[in-house]
Amino acid sequence: MRPASVKRRARFQLTCLHQMDESTAHARRGANRTTTRGPDRRIASFAALREHWREDFVANDSSLFRPGFIAVANYRFGVWAFGIENAVFRAPLTLLYVLIYHFVKNVLGIELHYKVRVGRRLRIGHQHGIVIHRDVQIGDDCLLRQNVTIGVSRLGVPREEVPVIGDRVEIGAGAVVLSPARIGDDVLIGPNTVVRRHVPPRCRVLPPDPVIQERRMHPARA
């Protein structure tokens, strides 16, 4: 890598770290506006539900059999069904949602409750091991890969400290985002990364490089 490229990369990393420290201090002072706002998860009509389905279908490779699309489609269905005012009409639809929810959770390994605030066009790359706390907020055009956990670091965490994910955020396989993290827009979180700090927009969060050591081979026994 050229020296100029190294300097630019180091400058970018230092800028992100400085912004992360400022973001953390700003949130601790109670001035982070993303703690109380998030995507409007209400789906007021069946026509709106169909539009959400259409967008999610395209975002998940235009396939009805993608586990990610099945999970997101049932999530949208649950948001719509629980918003119906007529109890007689609502009861069978919510029961159907619950049955599909447990299928998606226990068979496909994707735990996405209808109380989560999810923006538009959520893409789930691969199934299994995905757990999302029901108070989490996720923005538009986000990508989640397998074995992603977004939740709280301990029991009894206040709702306003549950993680908030911005727009166009990509979370790699095996990553964990815990309270009180706030993830800005256009952030890339690398695989197997544990995030508990606030991350400003347009930054990358990567795990440390693995340690490569020489392997000592034992002589074969006679």
Protein backbone atom coordinates (compact mmCIF):
# COMPACT_ATOMS: atom_id res chain seq x y z
CA MET A 1 0.00 0.00 0.00
CA ARG A 2 1.35 3.42 -0.91
CA PRO A 3 2.32 5.83 1.91
CA ALA A 4 -0.32 8.33 0.77
CA SER A 5 -3.01 5.65 0.97
CA VAL A 6 -1.84 4.66 4.45
CA LYS A 7 -2.01 8.27 5.59
CA ARG A 8 -5.51 8.73 4.16
CA ARG A 9 -6.71 5.52 5.81
CA ALA A 10 -5.21 6.51 9.17
CA ARG A 11 -6.75 9.98 8.89
CA PHE A 12 -10.16 8.43 8.11
CA GLN A 13 -9.93 6.06 11.10
CA LEU A 14 -8.90 8.87 13.46
CA THR A 15 -11.76 11.02 12.21
CA CYS A 16 -14.25 8.19 12.81
CA LEU A 17 -12.87 7.56 16.31
CA HIS A 18 -13.13 11.27 17.13
CA GLN A 19 -16.70 11.36 15.82
CA MET A 20 -17.54 8.22 17.82
CA ASP A 21 -16.30 9.85 21.03
CA GLU A 22 -18.30 13.00 20.29
CA SER A 23 -21.39 10.94 19.44
CA THR A 24 -21.10 8.98 22.68
CA ALA A 25 -20.77 12.13 24.78
CA HIS A 26 -23.64 13.75 22.90
CA ALA A 27 -25.95 10.78 23.60
CA ARG A 28 -25.00 10.67 27.27
CA ARG A 29 -26.11 14.28 27.58
CA GLY A 30 -29.51 13.19 26.33
CA ALA A 31 -29.34 15.13 23.09
CA ASN A 32 -29.35 12.22 20.64
CA ARG A 33 -32.62 12.61 18.75
CA THR A 34 -32.60 9.04 17.39
CA THR A 35 -33.49 7.64 20.81
CA THR A 36 -37.11 8.64 20.54
CA ARG A 37 -37.72 8.62 16.80
CA GLY A 38 -37.69 5.85 14.28
CA PRO A 39 -39.45 4.40 11.26
CA ASP A 40 -43.24 4.59 11.37
CA ARG A 41 -44.15 0.91 11.46
CA ARG A 42 -47.88 1.47 11.07
CA ILE A 43 -49.47 -0.04 7.97
CA ALA A 44 -52.90 1.51 7.71
CA SER A 45 -54.37 -0.40 4.75
CA PHE A 46 -54.03 -3.60 2.81
CA ALA A 47 -52.88 -1.56 -0.19
CA ALA A 48 -50.02 -0.19 1.90
CA LEU A 49 -49.20 -3.73 3.01
CA ARG A 50 -49.00 -4.86 -0.62
CA GLU A 51 -46.65 -1.99 -1.42
CA HIS A 52 -44.36 -3.00 1.46
CA TRP A 53 -44.43 -6.59 0.25
CA ARG A 54 -43.53 -5.50 -3.27
CA GLU A 55 -40.53 -3.50 -2.06
CA ASP A 56 -39.33 -6.27 0.27
CA PHE A 57 -39.76 -8.83 -2.52
CA VAL A 58 -37.44 -6.86 -4.81
CA ALA A 59 -34.96 -6.21 -1.99
CA ASN A 60 -34.72 -9.95 -1.26
CA ASP A 61 -33.78 -11.12 -4.77
CA SER A 62 -37.37 -11.17 -6.06
CA SER A 63 -37.89 -14.66 -4.67
CA LEU A 64 -40.88 -15.88 -2.67
CA PHE A 65 -38.75 -18.68 -1.22
CA ARG A 66 -36.00 -16.55 0.30
CA PRO A 67 -36.14 -17.02 4.09
CA GLY A 68 -35.40 -13.34 4.51
CA PHE A 69 -38.41 -12.33 2.43
CA ILE A 70 -40.66 -14.76 4.31
CA ALA A 71 -39.56 -13.29 7.65
CA VAL A 72 -39.95 -9.67 6.57
CA ALA A 73 -43.26 -10.31 4.79
CA ASN A 74 -44.71 -11.92 7.92
CA TYR A 75 -43.40 -9.02 10.01
CA ARG A 76 -45.27 -6.55 7.77
CA PHE A 77 -48.35 -8.74 7.95
CA GLY A 78 -48.19 -8.70 11.75
CA VAL A 79 -47.86 -4.92 11.88
CA TRP A 80 -50.91 -4.58 9.63
CA ALA A 81 -52.96 -7.27 11.41
CA PHE A 82 -52.41 -5.93 14.94
CA GLY A 83 -53.40 -2.48 13.74
CA ILE A 84 -56.91 -3.58 12.70
CA GLU A 85 -59.53 -2.04 14.97
CA ASN A 86 -62.25 -4.66 14.47
CA ALA A 87 -61.47 -7.39 17.03
CA VAL A 88 -63.48 -10.07 15.18
CA PHE A 89 -61.55 -9.47 11.97
CA ARG A 90 -58.24 -8.99 13.80
CA ALA A 91 -58.27 -12.22 15.85
CA PRO A 92 -57.83 -14.83 13.06
CA LEU A 93 -55.25 -12.70 11.25
CA THR A 94 -53.12 -12.20 14.34
CA LEU A 95 -53.35 -15.92 15.08
CA LEU A 96 -52.07 -16.64 11.56
CA TYR A 97 -49.25 -14.18 12.12
CA VAL A 98 -48.25 -15.86 15.41
CA LEU A 99 -48.16 -19.30 13.78
CA ILE A 100 -45.96 -18.10 10.92
CA TYR A 101 -43.81 -16.11 13.35
CA HIS A 102 -42.97 -19.22 15.36
CA PHE A 103 -42.24 -21.13 12.15
CA VAL A 104 -39.87 -18.40 10.99
CA LYS A 105 -38.25 -18.19 14.43
CA ASN A 106 -37.85 -21.91 15.13
CA VAL A 107 -37.29 -23.30 11.62
CA LEU A 108 -35.68 -20.46 9.67
CA GLY A 109 -33.89 -19.03 12.69
CA ILE A 110 -34.99 -15.42 12.21
CA GLU A 111 -36.53 -13.69 15.24
CA LEU A 112 -38.27 -10.55 13.97
CA HIS A 113 -41.19 -9.52 16.17
CA TYR A 114 -43.90 -7.23 14.85
CA LYS A 115 -43.10 -4.65 17.55
CA VAL A 116 -39.68 -3.94 16.05
CA ARG A 117 -39.58 -0.65 14.14
CA VAL A 118 -38.31 -1.58 10.68
CA GLY A 119 -37.90 0.81 7.77
CA ARG A 120 -38.53 0.00 4.13
CA ARG A 121 -36.79 -2.60 1.98
CA LEU A 122 -35.07 -4.62 4.70
CA ARG A 123 -32.86 -7.33 3.22
CA ILE A 124 -31.85 -10.43 5.15
CA GLY A 125 -28.99 -12.09 3.31
CA HIS A 126 -29.07 -15.54 4.90
CA GLN A 127 -31.13 -17.26 7.56
CA HIS A 128 -30.36 -18.73 11.01
CA GLY A 129 -29.11 -17.15 14.18
CA ILE A 130 -30.72 -13.74 13.64
CA VAL A 131 -32.13 -12.24 16.86
CA ILE A 132 -33.59 -8.72 17.01
CA HIS A 133 -34.90 -7.22 20.25
CA ARG A 134 -38.50 -6.09 19.92
CA ASP A 135 -37.70 -2.49 20.87
CA VAL A 136 -34.98 -2.08 18.24
CA GLN A 137 -35.29 0.51 15.45
CA ILE A 138 -33.95 -0.26 11.97
CA GLY A 139 -33.86 2.29 9.15
CA ASP A 140 -34.46 1.98 5.42
CA ASP A 141 -32.47 -0.17 2.96
CA CYS A 142 -30.52 -2.11 5.60
CA LEU A 143 -28.83 -5.47 5.13
CA LEU A 144 -28.52 -8.15 7.83
CA ARG A 145 -26.49 -11.30 7.36
CA GLN A 146 -26.61 -14.59 9.25
CA ASN A 147 -26.00 -14.85 13.00
CA VAL A 148 -26.62 -11.14 13.62
CA THR A 149 -27.80 -10.09 17.08
CA ILE A 150 -29.23 -6.65 17.80
CA GLY A 151 -30.33 -6.30 21.39
CA VAL A 152 -29.51 -5.37 24.96
CA SER A 153 -26.45 -6.15 27.03
CA ARG A 154 -28.41 -6.96 30.19
CA LEU A 155 -31.94 -7.37 31.48
CA GLY A 156 -33.90 -4.30 32.46
CA VAL A 157 -32.37 -1.93 29.92
CA PRO A 158 -34.65 1.10 29.35
CA ARG A 159 -36.33 1.25 25.95
CA GLU A 160 -34.53 4.47 25.05
CA GLU A 161 -31.17 2.68 25.34
CA VAL A 162 -32.05 -0.15 22.94
CA PRO A 163 -29.94 0.03 19.74
CA VAL A 164 -31.05 2.24 16.87
CA ILE A 165 -29.84 1.38 13.36
CA GLY A 166 -29.75 4.14 10.74
CA ASP A 167 -30.47 3.97 7.01
CA ARG A 168 -28.42 1.92 4.54
CA VAL A 169 -26.52 0.07 7.26
CA GLU A 170 -24.88 -3.26 6.43
CA ILE A 171 -24.23 -5.67 9.31
CA GLY A 172 -21.90 -8.58 8.60
CA ALA A 173 -22.21 -12.21 9.62
CA GLY A 174 -21.85 -12.88 13.33
CA ALA A 175 -21.92 -9.21 14.32
CA VAL A 176 -23.47 -8.15 17.62
CA VAL A 177 -24.92 -4.68 18.27
CA LEU A 178 -25.79 -4.07 21.92
CA SER A 179 -27.22 -1.23 23.97
CA PRO A 180 -26.68 1.65 24.11
CA ALA A 181 -25.26 1.73 20.57
CA ARG A 182 -26.61 4.16 18.00
CA ILE A 183 -25.53 3.35 14.44
CA GLY A 184 -25.51 6.23 11.95
CA ASP A 185 -26.49 6.13 8.30
CA ASP A 186 -24.31 4.36 5.70
CA VAL A 187 -22.30 2.44 8.29
CA LEU A 188 -20.64 -0.89 7.52
CA ILE A 189 -20.22 -3.28 10.46
CA GLY A 190 -17.83 -6.09 9.66
CA PRO A 191 -18.33 -9.77 10.49
CA ASN A 192 -17.88 -11.00 14.08
CA THR A 193 -17.78 -7.44 15.42
CA VAL A 194 -19.23 -6.49 18.80
CA VAL A 195 -20.50 -2.90 18.86
CA ARG A 196 -21.50 -1.16 22.11
CA ARG A 197 -20.50 2.39 21.19
CA HIS A 198 -22.20 5.04 19.10
CA VAL A 199 -21.03 4.99 15.49
CA PRO A 200 -21.32 8.18 13.40
CA PRO A 201 -22.52 8.09 9.79
CA ARG A 202 -20.35 6.86 6.91
CA CYS A 203 -17.92 4.83 8.99
CA ARG A 204 -16.71 1.25 9.00
CA VAL A 205 -16.49 -0.85 12.16
CA LEU A 206 -14.14 -3.79 11.66
CA PRO A 207 -12.88 -6.53 14.01
CA PRO A 208 -9.16 -6.81 14.80
CA ASP A 209 -7.11 -8.84 12.37
CA PRO A 210 -6.56 -12.48 13.40
CA VAL A 211 -3.21 -13.51 14.84
CA ILE A 212 -1.26 -15.83 12.54
CA GLN A 213 1.32 -17.95 14.33
CA GLU A 214 3.59 -20.70 13.22
CA ARG A 215 2.20 -24.14 13.95
CA ARG A 216 4.51 -26.45 15.83
CA MET A 217 4.20 -29.95 14.48
CA HIS A 218 4.84 -32.81 16.87
CA PRO A 219 6.89 -35.70 15.49
CA ALA A 220 4.82 -38.75 14.69
CA ARG A 221 4.96 -41.49 17.26
CA ALA A 222 6.80 -44.59 16.21
